[in-house]
C-alpha atoms as a PDB file:
ATOM      1  CA  UNK A   1     -13.362 -23.505 110.151  1.00  0.00           C
ATOM      2  CA  UNK A   2     -10.142 -22.206 108.377  1.00  0.00           C
ATOM      3  CA  UNK A   3      -8.729 -18.759 108.699  1.00  0.00           C
ATOM      4  CA  UNK A   4      -8.317 -16.638 105.535  1.00  0.00           C
ATOM      5  CA  UNK A   5      -5.255 -14.329 104.960  1.00  0.00           C
ATOM      6  CA  UNK A   6      -4.700 -12.009 102.218  1.00  0.00           C
ATOM      7  CA  UNK A   7      -1.069 -11.678 101.806  1.00  0.00           C
ATOM      8  CA  UNK A   8       0.111  -8.663 100.274  1.00  0.00           C
ATOM      9  CA  UNK A   9       2.793  -8.122  97.376  1.00  0.00           C
ATOM     10  CA  UNK A  10       5.057  -6.959  99.625  1.00  0.00           C
ATOM     11  CA  UNK A  11       4.519  -9.956 102.402  1.00  0.00           C
ATOM     12  CA  UNK A  12       5.046 -13.039 102.944  1.00  0.00           C
ATOM     13  CA  UNK A  13       3.662 -16.171 105.711  1.00  0.00           C
ATOM     14  CA  UNK A  14       5.402 -18.670 107.129  1.00  0.00           C
ATOM     15  CA  UNK A  15       3.140 -21.479 107.659  1.00  0.00           C
ATOM     16  CA  UNK A  16       3.386 -23.953 110.546  1.00  0.00           C
ATOM     17  CA  UNK A  17       1.631 -26.934 111.083  1.00  0.00           C
ATOM     18  CA  UNK A  18       1.212 -28.630 114.246  1.00  0.00           C
ATOM     19  CA  UNK A  19       4.523 -27.070 115.180  1.00  0.00           C
ATOM     20  CA  UNK A  20       6.424 -27.989 112.283  1.00  0.00           C
ATOM     21  CA  UNK A  21       7.687 -25.068 109.450  1.00  0.00           C
ATOM     22  CA  UNK A  22       5.968 -26.212 106.103  1.00  0.00           C
ATOM     23  CA  UNK A  23       6.870 -23.290 103.827  1.00  0.00           C
ATOM     24  CA  UNK A  24       6.877 -19.349 103.275  1.00  0.00           C
ATOM     25  CA  UNK A  25       3.127 -18.675 101.215  1.00  0.00           C
ATOM     26  CA  UNK A  26       1.677 -15.551  99.963  1.00  0.00           C
ATOM     27  CA  UNK A  27       1.071 -13.473  98.059  1.00  0.00           C
ATOM     28  CA  UNK A  28      -2.589 -14.015  97.326  1.00  0.00           C
ATOM     29  CA  UNK A  29      -5.295 -15.828  99.867  1.00  0.00           C
ATOM     30  CA  UNK A  30      -3.368 -18.415 102.615  1.00  0.00           C
ATOM     31  CA  UNK A  31      -5.525 -20.772 104.171  1.00  0.00           C
ATOM     32  CA  UNK A  32      -5.051 -21.291 108.198  1.00  0.00           C
ATOM     33  CA  UNK A  33      -6.613 -23.848 109.953  1.00  0.00           C
ATOM     34  CA  UNK A  34      -6.993 -22.831 113.573  1.00  0.00           C
ATOM     35  CA  UNK A  35      -5.392 -25.225 116.123  1.00  0.00           C
ATOM     36  CA  UNK A  36      -3.092 -27.324 113.634  1.00  0.00           C
ATOM     37  CA  UNK A  37      -1.889 -24.709 111.563  1.00  0.00           C
ATOM     38  CA  UNK A  38      -0.189 -21.263 112.530  1.00  0.00           C
ATOM     39  CA  UNK A  39       1.847 -18.616 110.870  1.00  0.00           C
ATOM     40  CA  UNK A  40       3.873 -15.761 110.694  1.00  0.00           C
ATOM     41  CA  UNK A  41       3.707 -12.521 108.394  1.00  0.00           C
ATOM     42  CA  UNK A  42       6.898 -10.854 107.298  1.00  0.00           C
ATOM     43  CA  UNK A  43       7.271  -7.415 105.769  1.00  0.00           C
ATOM     44  CA  UNK A  44       9.530  -7.784 102.583  1.00  0.00           C
ATOM     45  CA  UNK A  45       9.500  -3.842 102.205  1.00  0.00           C
ATOM     46  CA  UNK A  46      12.860  -1.570 103.072  1.00  0.00           C
ATOM     47  CA  UNK A  47      12.621  -1.304 106.927  1.00  0.00           C
ATOM     48  CA  UNK A  48      14.078   1.486 109.481  1.00  0.00           C
ATOM     49  CA  UNK A  49      15.088   2.347 112.885  1.00  0.00           C
ATOM     50  CA  UNK A  50      16.718   5.323 114.968  1.00  0.00           C
ATOM     51  CA  UNK A  51      19.055   4.714 117.574  1.00  0.00           C
ATOM     52  CA  UNK A  52      18.678   7.992 120.052  1.00  0.00           C
ATOM     53  CA  UNK A  53      22.284   9.412 120.832  1.00  0.00           C
ATOM     54  CA  UNK A  54      24.346   7.692 122.719  1.00  0.00           C
ATOM     55  CA  UNK A  55      27.461   8.427 124.941  1.00  0.00           C
ATOM     56  CA  UNK A  56      30.789   7.303 123.044  1.00  0.00           C
ATOM     57  CA  UNK A  57      34.114   7.236 124.444  1.00  0.00           C
ATOM     58  CA  UNK A  58      36.702   8.019 121.787  1.00  0.00           C
ATOM     59  CA  UNK A  59      40.370   6.332 121.810  1.00  0.00           C
ATOM     60  CA  UNK A  60      41.431   9.794 123.104  1.00  0.00           C
ATOM     61  CA  UNK A  61      38.919   9.713 126.018  1.00  0.00           C
ATOM     62  CA  UNK A  62      37.011  12.205 124.951  1.00  0.00           C
ATOM     63  CA  UNK A  63      32.975  11.436 125.083  1.00  0.00           C
ATOM     64  CA  UNK A  64      30.413  12.362 121.976  1.00  0.00           C
ATOM     65  CA  UNK A  65      26.909  11.649 121.726  1.00  0.00           C
ATOM     66  CA  UNK A  66      25.883   9.820 118.849  1.00  0.00           C
ATOM     67  CA  UNK A  67      22.488   9.204 116.959  1.00  0.00           C
ATOM     68  CA  UNK A  68      21.913   7.466 113.677  1.00  0.00           C
ATOM     69  CA  UNK A  69      19.684   5.723 111.582  1.00  0.00           C
ATOM     70  CA  UNK A  70      19.826   2.102 110.429  1.00  0.00           C
ATOM     71  CA  UNK A  71      18.034   1.091 106.718  1.00  0.00           C
ATOM     72  CA  UNK A  72      17.840  -2.522 106.402  1.00  0.00           C
ATOM     73  CA  UNK A  73      15.462  -5.253 104.398  1.00  0.00           C
ATOM     74  CA  UNK A  74      14.303  -8.693 104.458  1.00  0.00           C
ATOM     75  CA  UNK A  75      16.145 -11.009 101.886  1.00  0.00           C
ATOM     76  CA  UNK A  76      15.343 -14.569 103.012  1.00  0.00           C
ATOM     77  CA  UNK A  77      12.003 -14.333 105.212  1.00  0.00           C
ATOM     78  CA  UNK A  78      12.580 -17.838 105.953  1.00  0.00           C
ATOM     79  CA  UNK A  79      15.535 -17.422 108.044  1.00  0.00           C
ATOM     80  CA  UNK A  80      14.214 -14.350 109.910  1.00  0.00           C
ATOM     81  CA  UNK A  81      11.468 -16.194 111.132  1.00  0.00           C
ATOM     82  CA  UNK A  82      13.581 -19.520 111.674  1.00  0.00           C
ATOM     83  CA  UNK A  83      16.967 -17.875 113.130  1.00  0.00           C
ATOM     84  CA  UNK A  84      15.688 -14.811 115.116  1.00  0.00           C
ATOM     85  CA  UNK A  85      13.001 -14.153 117.407  1.00  0.00           C
ATOM     86  CA  UNK A  86      12.916 -10.200 116.821  1.00  0.00           C
ATOM     87  CA  UNK A  87      15.121  -9.370 114.045  1.00  0.00           C
ATOM     88  CA  UNK A  88      14.432  -5.271 114.460  1.00  0.00           C
ATOM     89  CA  UNK A  89      14.820  -5.542 118.031  1.00  0.00           C
ATOM     90  CA  UNK A  90      18.229  -7.680 118.172  1.00  0.00           C
ATOM     91  CA  UNK A  91      19.732  -5.419 115.071  1.00  0.00           C
ATOM     92  CA  UNK A  92      19.064  -2.179 117.481  1.00  0.00           C
ATOM     93  CA  UNK A  93      21.014  -4.039 119.979  1.00  0.00           C
ATOM     94  CA  UNK A  94      23.764  -4.864 117.872  1.00  0.00           C
ATOM     95  CA  UNK A  95      23.898  -1.253 115.953  1.00  0.00           C
ATOM     96  CA  UNK A  96      24.244   0.211 119.547  1.00  0.00           C
ATOM     97  CA  UNK A  97      27.231  -1.993 120.334  1.00  0.00           C
ATOM     98  CA  UNK A  98      28.902  -2.017 116.923  1.00  0.00           C
ATOM     99  CA  UNK A  99      28.782   2.099 117.015  1.00  0.00           C
ATOM    100  CA  UNK A 100      30.570   2.106 120.371  1.00  0.00           C
ATOM    101  CA  UNK A 101      33.098  -0.303 118.991  1.00  0.00           C
ATOM    102  CA  UNK A 102      33.667   1.823 115.854  1.00  0.00           C
ATOM    103  CA  UNK A 103      34.156   5.181 117.846  1.00  0.00           C
ATOM    104  CA  UNK A 104      36.234   3.588 120.413  1.00  0.00           C
ATOM    105  CA  UNK A 105      38.743   2.833 117.393  1.00  0.00           C
ATOM    106  CA  UNK A 106      38.863   6.669 116.536  1.00  0.00           C
ATOM    107  CA  UNK A 107      40.114   9.988 118.058  1.00  0.00           C
ATOM    108  CA  UNK A 108      38.139  12.858 118.234  1.00  0.00           C
ATOM    109  CA  UNK A 109      38.871  14.296 115.323  1.00  0.00           C
ATOM    110  CA  UNK A 110      38.434  11.489 113.010  1.00  0.00           C
ATOM    111  CA  UNK A 111      34.757  11.090 114.706  1.00  0.00           C
ATOM    112  CA  UNK A 112      34.239  14.485 113.736  1.00  0.00           C
ATOM    113  CA  UNK A 113      35.673  14.617 110.570  1.00  0.00           C
ATOM    114  CA  UNK A 114      35.105  10.950 109.024  1.00  0.00           C
ATOM    115  CA  UNK A 115      31.056  10.537 109.085  1.00  0.00           C
ATOM    116  CA  UNK A 116      30.967   8.589 105.983  1.00  0.00           C
ATOM    117  CA  UNK A 117      33.966   6.359 106.921  1.00  0.00           C
ATOM    118  CA  UNK A 118      32.105   5.678 110.151  1.00  0.00           C
ATOM    119  CA  UNK A 119      28.542   4.903 108.464  1.00  0.00           C
ATOM    120  CA  UNK A 120      30.771   2.529 106.160  1.00  0.00           C
ATOM    121  CA  UNK A 121      32.344   0.560 108.693  1.00  0.00           C
ATOM    122  CA  UNK A 122      29.020   0.214 110.378  1.00  0.00           C
ATOM    123  CA  UNK A 123      26.951  -0.944 107.603  1.00  0.00           C
ATOM    124  CA  UNK A 124      30.018  -3.933 107.171  1.00  0.00           C
ATOM    125  CA  UNK A 125      30.141  -5.138 110.817  1.00  0.00           C
ATOM    126  CA  UNK A 126      26.053  -4.971 110.901  1.00  0.00           C
ATOM    127  CA  UNK A 127      25.481  -6.847 107.333  1.00  0.00           C
ATOM    128  CA  UNK A 128      27.660  -9.556 108.987  1.00  0.00           C
ATOM    129  CA  UNK A 129      25.787 -10.636 111.789  1.00  0.00           C
ATOM    130  CA  UNK A 130      22.380 -10.159 110.216  1.00  0.00           C
ATOM    131  CA  UNK A 131      23.120 -11.860 107.181  1.00  0.00           C
ATOM    132  CA  UNK A 132      22.544 -15.158 109.546  1.00  0.00           C
ATOM    133  CA  UNK A 133      18.988 -14.034 110.007  1.00  0.00           C
ATOM    134  CA  UNK A 134      18.279 -13.257 106.477  1.00  0.00           C
ATOM    135  CA  UNK A 135      18.306  -9.343 106.612  1.00  0.00           C
ATOM    136  CA  UNK A 136      20.300  -6.976 104.576  1.00  0.00           C
ATOM    137  CA  UNK A 137      21.814  -4.035 106.124  1.00  0.00           C
ATOM    138  CA  UNK A 138      21.421  -1.501 103.213  1.00  0.00           C
ATOM    139  CA  UNK A 139      22.824   1.891 104.659  1.00  0.00           C
ATOM    140  CA  UNK A 140      23.865   3.382 108.178  1.00  0.00           C
ATOM    141  CA  UNK A 141      23.526   7.291 108.606  1.00  0.00           C
ATOM    142  CA  UNK A 142      24.936   9.354 111.386  1.00  0.00           C
ATOM    143  CA  UNK A 143      22.436  12.260 112.118  1.00  0.00           C
ATOM    144  CA  UNK A 144      24.500  14.027 114.468  1.00  0.00           C
ATOM    145  CA  UNK A 145      27.986  14.137 116.794  1.00  0.00           C
ATOM    146  CA  UNK A 146      27.671  16.006 119.859  1.00  0.00           C
ATOM    147  CA  UNK A 147      30.920  16.754 121.587  1.00  0.00           C
ATOM    148  CA  UNK A 148      31.537  18.014 125.161  1.00  0.00           C
ATOM    149  CA  UNK A 149      30.997  21.681 125.628  1.00  0.00           C
ATOM    150  CA  UNK A 150      34.476  22.369 126.294  1.00  0.00           C
ATOM    151  CA  UNK A 151      35.583  20.729 123.079  1.00  0.00           C
ATOM    152  CA  UNK A 152      32.678  22.482 121.161  1.00  0.00           C
ATOM    153  CA  UNK A 153      34.069  25.744 122.645  1.00  0.00           C
ATOM    154  CA  UNK A 154      37.834  24.535 121.348  1.00  0.00           C
ATOM    155  CA  UNK A 155      36.538  24.024 118.374  1.00  0.00           C
ATOM    156  CA  UNK A 156      35.132  27.592 117.927  1.00  0.00           C
ATOM    157  CA  UNK A 157      38.132  29.400 118.528  1.00  0.00           C
ATOM    158  CA  UNK A 158      40.233  27.216 116.580  1.00  0.00           C
ATOM    159  CA  UNK A 159      37.356  27.872 113.514  1.00  0.00           C
ATOM    160  CA  UNK A 160      37.411  31.579 114.340  1.00  0.00           C
ATOM    161  CA  UNK A 161      41.347  31.324 114.467  1.00  0.00           C
ATOM    162  CA  UNK A 162      41.335  29.116 111.115  1.00  0.00           C
ATOM    163  CA  UNK A 163      39.070  32.023 109.272  1.00  0.00           C
ATOM    164  CA  UNK A 164      41.167  34.460 110.319  1.00  0.00           C
ATOM    165  CA  UNK A 165      44.566  32.720 109.133  1.00  0.00           C
ATOM    166  CA  UNK A 166      42.643  32.267 105.985  1.00  0.00           C
ATOM    167  CA  UNK A 167      41.446  35.976 105.296  1.00  0.00           C
ATOM    168  CA  UNK A 168      45.522  37.103 106.145  1.00  0.00           C
ATOM    169  CA  UNK A 169      46.410  35.121 103.635  1.00  0.00           C
ATOM    170  CA  UNK A 170      43.668  35.819 101.104  1.00  0.00           C
ATOM    171  CA  UNK A 171      44.625  39.591 101.742  1.00  0.00           C
ATOM    172  CA  UNK A 172      48.143  39.190 101.401  1.00  0.00           C
ATOM    173  CA  UNK A 173      47.508  37.405  97.703  1.00  0.00           C
ATOM    174  CA  UNK A 174      45.914  39.902  97.116  1.00  0.00           C
ATOM    175  CA  UNK A 175      48.237  42.724  97.708  1.00  0.00           C
ATOM    176  CA  UNK A 176      51.038  40.434  96.241  1.00  0.00           C
ATOM    177  CA  UNK A 177      48.828  40.105  92.819  1.00  0.00           C
ATOM    178  CA  UNK A 178      48.263  43.734  93.084  1.00  0.00           C
ATOM    179  CA  UNK A 179      52.073  44.779  93.516  1.00  0.00           C
ATOM    180  CA  UNK A 180      52.764  42.426  90.264  1.00  0.00           C
ATOM    181  CA  UNK A 181      50.158  43.591  88.044  1.00  0.00           C
ATOM    182  CA  UNK A 182      51.206  47.099  89.209  1.00  0.00           C
ATOM    183  CA  UNK A 183      55.193  46.489  88.344  1.00  0.00           C
ATOM    184  CA  UNK A 184      54.112  44.602  85.240  1.00  0.00           C
ATOM    185  CA  UNK A 185      52.364  47.556  84.446  1.00  0.00           C
ATOM    186  CA  UNK A 186      55.443  49.745  84.808  1.00  0.00           C
ATOM    187  CA  UNK A 187      57.122  47.415  82.409  1.00  0.00           C
ATOM    188  CA  UNK A 188      55.515  47.156  79.979  1.00  0.00           C
ATOM    189  CA  UNK A 189      54.605  51.006  80.377  1.00  0.00           C
ATOM    190  CA  UNK A 190      58.615  51.633  79.976  1.00  0.00           C
ATOM    191  CA  UNK A 191      58.916  48.978  77.106  1.00  0.00           C
ATOM    192  CA  UNK A 192      56.133  51.080  75.110  1.00  0.00           C
ATOM    193  CA  UNK A 193      57.904  54.168  76.019  1.00  0.00           C
ATOM    194  CA  UNK A 194      61.227  52.618  74.889  1.00  0.00           C
ATOM    195  CA  UNK A 195      59.695  51.456  71.630  1.00  0.00           C
ATOM    196  CA  UNK A 196      57.761  55.041  71.321  1.00  0.00           C
ATOM    197  CA  UNK A 197      61.451  56.655  71.653  1.00  0.00           C
ATOM    198  CA  UNK A 198      63.180  54.066  69.261  1.00  0.00           C
ATOM    199  CA  UNK A 199      60.461  55.007  66.346  1.00  0.00           C
ATOM    200  CA  UNK A 200      60.597  58.216  66.915  1.00  0.00           C
ATOM    201  CA  UNK A 201      64.479  58.434  66.182  1.00  0.00           C
ATOM    202  CA  UNK A 202      64.313  56.287  63.718  1.00  0.00           C
ATOM    203  CA  UNK A 203      61.580  58.809  62.011  1.00  0.00           C
ATOM    204  CA  UNK A 204      63.619  61.919  62.901  1.00  0.00           C
ATOM    205  CA  UNK A 205      67.037  60.111  61.189  1.00  0.00           C
ATOM    206  CA  UNK A 206      64.666  59.559  58.116  1.00  0.00           C
ATOM    207  CA  UNK A 207      63.357  62.961  58.374  1.00  0.00           C
ATOM    208  CA  UNK A 208      66.746  64.516  58.542  1.00  0.00           C
ATOM    209  CA  UNK A 209      68.296  62.140  56.019  1.00  0.00           C
ATOM    210  CA  UNK A 210      65.307  62.531  52.835  1.00  0.00           C
ATOM    211  CA  UNK A 211      66.092  67.003  53.857  1.00  0.00           C
ATOM    212  CA  UNK A 212      69.711  66.163  52.937  1.00  0.00           C
ATOM    213  CA  UNK A 213      68.924  64.527  50.201  1.00  0.00           C
ATOM    214  CA  UNK A 214      66.213  66.682  48.963  1.00  0.00           C
ATOM    215  CA  UNK A 215      68.786  69.625  49.912  1.00  0.00           C
ATOM    216  CA  UNK A 216      71.730  67.932  47.595  1.00  0.00           C
ATOM    217  CA  UNK A 217      69.077  67.356  44.964  1.00  0.00           C
ATOM    218  CA  UNK A 218      68.371  71.063  44.929  1.00  0.00           C
ATOM    219  CA  UNK A 219      71.424  72.114  45.422  1.00  0.00           C
ATOM    220  CA  UNK A 220      72.309  69.974  41.876  1.00  0.00           C
ATOM    221  CA  UNK A 221      69.323  71.372  39.841  1.00  0.00           C
ATOM    222  CA  UNK A 222      70.907  75.000  41.013  1.00  0.00           C
ATOM    223  CA  UNK A 223      74.058  73.921  39.484  1.00  0.00           C
ATOM    224  CA  UNK A 224      72.630  72.897  36.572  1.00  0.00           C
ATOM    225  CA  UNK A 225      70.874  75.643  35.807  1.00  0.00           C
ATOM    226  CA  UNK A 226      74.051  77.674  36.007  1.00  0.00           C
ATOM    227  CA  UNK A 227      76.497  75.960  34.043  1.00  0.00           C
ATOM    228  CA  UNK A 228      73.144  75.777  31.517  1.00  0.00           C
ATOM    229  CA  UNK A 229      73.149  79.555  31.969  1.00  0.00           C
ATOM    230  CA  UNK A 230      76.715  79.546  31.452  1.00  0.00           C
ATOM    231  CA  UNK A 231      76.621  77.743  28.222  1.00  0.00           C
ATOM    232  CA  UNK A 232      74.357  80.013  26.545  1.00  0.00           C
ATOM    233  CA  UNK A 233      75.606  83.080  27.717  1.00  0.00           C
ATOM    234  CA  UNK A 234      76.583  85.825  25.018  1.00  0.00           C
ATOM    235  CA  UNK A 235      80.084  86.212  23.923  1.00  0.00           C
ATOM    236  CA  UNK A 236      80.001  89.837  24.120  1.00  0.00           C
ATOM    237  CA  UNK A 237      78.629  90.054  27.641  1.00  0.00           C
ATOM    238  CA  UNK A 238      81.585  88.135  28.948  1.00  0.00           C
ATOM    239  CA  UNK A 239      84.269  90.428  26.464  1.00  0.00           C
ATOM    240  CA  UNK A 240      82.629  93.503  28.048  1.00  0.00           C
ATOM    241  CA  UNK A 241      83.163  91.949  31.876  1.00  0.00           C
ATOM    242  CA  UNK A 242      86.565  91.525  31.088  1.00  0.00           C
ATOM    243  CA  UNK A 243      87.260  95.152  29.564  1.00  0.00           C
ATOM    244  CA  UNK A 244      85.378  96.277  32.612  1.00  0.00           C
ATOM    245  CA  UNK A 245      87.604  94.586  34.941  1.00  0.00           C
ATOM    246  CA  UNK A 246      90.748  96.550  32.774  1.00  0.00           C
ATOM    247  CA  UNK A 247      89.282  99.665  33.351  1.00  0.00           C
ATOM    248  CA  UNK A 248      88.941  99.061  36.771  1.00  0.00           C
ATOM    249  CA  UNK A 249      92.591  97.288  36.858  1.00  0.00           C
ATOM    250  CA  UNK A 250      93.764 100.816  35.157  1.00  0.00           C
ATOM    251  CA  UNK A 251      92.330 103.028  37.470  1.00  0.00           C
ATOM    252  CA  UNK A 252      94.563 101.272  40.154  1.00  0.00           C
ATOM    253  CA  UNK A 253      98.216 102.583  41.339  1.00  0.00           C
ATOM    254  CA  UNK A 254      99.660  99.121  40.477  1.00  0.00           C
ATOM    255  CA  UNK A 255     102.266  99.465  37.281  1.00  0.00           C
ATOM    256  CA  UNK A 256     102.897  95.391  36.398  1.00  0.00           C
ATOM    257  CA  UNK A 257      99.538  93.399  35.102  1.00  0.00           C
ATOM    258  CA  UNK A 258      99.199  90.146  34.658  1.00  0.00           C
ATOM    259  CA  UNK A 259      96.484  89.742  31.657  1.00  0.00           C
ATOM    260  CA  UNK A 260      95.285  86.178  30.968  1.00  0.00           C
ATOM    261  CA  UNK A 261      95.254  84.688  27.432  1.00  0.00           C
ATOM    262  CA  UNK A 262      91.494  84.836  27.768  1.00  0.00           C
ATOM    263  CA  UNK A 263      90.881  88.256  27.707  1.00  0.00           C
ATOM    264  CA  UNK A 264      92.760  88.517  24.306  1.00  0.00           C
ATOM    265  CA  UNK A 265      90.788  86.154  22.863  1.00  0.00           C
ATOM    266  CA  UNK A 266      87.570  87.885  24.367  1.00  0.00           C
ATOM    267  CA  UNK A 267      88.935  91.524  22.778  1.00  0.00           C
ATOM    268  CA  UNK A 268      89.595  90.277  19.581  1.00  0.00           C
ATOM    269  CA  UNK A 269      86.267  88.938  19.353  1.00  0.00           C
ATOM    270  CA  UNK A 270      85.077  92.412  20.146  1.00  0.00           C
ATOM    271  CA  UNK A 271      87.136  93.612  17.716  1.00  0.00           C
ATOM    272  CA  UNK A 272      85.548  91.352  15.337  1.00  0.00           C
ATOM    273  CA  UNK A 273      81.892  92.419  15.621  1.00  0.00           C
ATOM    274  CA  UNK A 274      82.788  96.169  15.694  1.00  0.00           C
ATOM    275  CA  UNK A 275      84.875  95.516  12.236  1.00  0.00           C
ATOM    276  CA  UNK A 276      88.261  96.703  13.509  1.00  0.00           C
ATOM    277  CA  UNK A 277      90.642  94.260  11.452  1.00  0.00           C
ATOM    278  CA  UNK A 278      92.616  93.741  14.239  1.00  0.00           C
ATOM    279  CA  UNK A 279      93.404  94.145  17.904  1.00  0.00           C
ATOM    280  CA  UNK A 280      97.446  94.582  19.252  1.00  0.00           C
ATOM    281  CA  UNK A 281      97.311  93.314  23.296  1.00  0.00           C
ATOM    282  CA  UNK A 282      98.238  95.702  25.112  1.00  0.00           C
ATOM    283  CA  UNK A 283     102.094  96.176  26.420  1.00  0.00           C
ATOM    284  CA  UNK A 284     102.803  94.321  29.253  1.00  0.00           C
ATOM    285  CA  UNK A 285     104.837  96.557  31.510  1.00  0.00           C
ATOM    286  CA  UNK A 286     107.703  94.480  32.317  1.00  0.00           C
END
């Protein structure tokens, strides 16, 4: 009587007949005849296993505890059945020894800061071996790295000092920026003040020049007005002014006068207007 095996899509059965491998079967229904035939199921899904914290020694003789997870997938189920008895157990042991080899080549600071590099190095080394079993290591992820307590305390002090240093640098940079801003503000204020003073001087000079021009135009207009008035003044007015001047000279104590010709002409014009035939010029003391 045959045994019916239901093989799912993610499974395969390595079928043996009288101890001889006859091929991978599935998915679907697979018949196994007892005693004559046998089969081993292989899961084709991605699997994982975790490795508990392992004490590892770095190149500078510091002890660290590291735990991590390995992800893998069966790519060739035939080789997984025929080449290795327990590929998960073998991969777990291989991962432990590979981790110690990788950590032993690094100093403590690199172990703590280069976690991605450790993951990549372990994945490459594990895959080189598991490839013989038809298994592909898809990822290695370190979950935690725990250094010794003394080193943790030193790291805490170092981190505190680093934060203090950064705070001081930030504060000094802020003070410097503030001083630069103040200096820039003072410089711009001085420039604006100088520009304002220069513009004020220009405006004052323009105003003074315009005032002088207006004043000159006023003088010119006044002179034009005076000249126009003098040109239209009546002749009698000028003659009377000359006679008034002669009267003033006569009242004086001087005995010698110098009479300009314009005075004679003015007197003659007055006489003509008064109807006198002729006017003799006054004698000149001489």
